Structure formats: structure tokens, C-alpha cells
Amino acid sequence: MRTLLAVLVAVSLCCSATSAQSVKGKSVFGLKTGINISTFRTSVDYAYVDPSLKVGLVFGSFIEIPLSSRFLLQPEFLYSQMGSNAVYSVFGDETFRYNYFSIPLLIKFKVAKGFNVFAGPEADFLIRARQKDNDRTITISNDIKDFDFSVTAGIEATSEKFAFGLRYIHGTQDVSIEPEFYSFFNQGVQATIGYKFSNKNKRAKKEKTK
């Protein structure tokens, strides 16, 4: 059900972007990739577990839709690796790897030429979750929530073709495997580089033919 909802949301956003592009002729499609530096945020300090940073990949596509001269709407469709390393006083070192299909919906504001700030909600649909220790790796996808609602905000330096972004992601759902004993929440910093496929040449050709 979660996967079906994710697909429906993605199709809906794509259709909206296509409609906006046909009307304004200014929407831009792009691809991006980068890294997540993530860890678990805890509601309290646990004496027997200490989450630490973990590096993961993120990649996918985005559509930049102008709303006005200063505001833009940017839906994104990303494969995003989150999770955390953790040191348990009893079990030793462990790594939690959570892979999501993430759909951020960002509102961007042009502060100056080539510089934007943005914020928005993000829907994270779990693809697979794994727990790894020194001896084995097990799948724990059925043991945690398969959906996380996050909020994100960041900054972006952009040119005609490229966009360099840095954002903070703040998960709101408990993603621990034993919520009766402790609570873990996703959080991370994401750094990306994006390439924009400009439609300026296509518009120029259309104007010449008129």
C-alpha cells in the first residue's frame, strides 16, 4: 500500500509539472546525486546505546517549477540511504541501513542571483532495512515503520546547468526495532550536485519557427 501511494504521488507530481511546463514553458527537469550523513536522533540519552554518524548515497530526479519571479516549487524523487551506526554496551558495534524512496516537496526562494533557500515536507517510503554487526547482516524491514514523514530545509547555489545543495532532514516517526524499550528518529545532512536539462534551446527554436 505504501509503495502504491508513493507511485501515485510521484505520477501526480509529474503530471502537475508537465502541465505547468506546457503553460509557462519554464519548468526544468534535472538529475542529482550526493551523500547523506545520517544518524539516529534519540528522545532521551540511553546509557547502553550510542548512535553515531553513517554515510549513505542519494540520487534521483527533480522538477523545478517557477511560481513567480522569486518562488519555485521543486518536487524530487530520490533513492535515499539513511540510518545510523551505533555502539551497544552489550552487543558491540552495529550498523542500521534504511533505504527509502523519498519524495521531498520543496518551496524555494531566490535570495540573490545564483543563491536559493528552501524548505518543505518529505515523504519517505521504506524499501529495505538491514541491521549489521560483526558476524551477520539481517533484514529488519518488517520490524520498523515503513513510512517516515520528514521536514527538510537548506541552501542552494545554482547556475544555468548545475545546482549544489546542502540540507538538513528531520524525521518525525519512531524507526526503532524495539519501540517499547527506546525511540530512534532519522536525521541527517544531505549534500548534492544536480544537473539541469534546460529547455531554453527548444523555446528558441519554437520562436524562430513562428
Foldseek 3Di string as FASTA:
>chain_A
DLVVVVVVVVVVVVVVLVVLCVVPVFKWKKKKKFKKWKWWDFPDDDPFKDWDTDIDIKIFMKMWGDPDPFKIKIKTWMWHWFWTWMQGNPQGTKTKIWIWGKIWIKIWTDPDVQKIKIKTKMKTFTDWMWMDDPPDIDTCCVQFDRIWIWIKIWMWGDDPFKIWIKMKIWTDDFGDSCVVVTGIGMIIMIIMMMTIDGCVVVVVVVVVVD
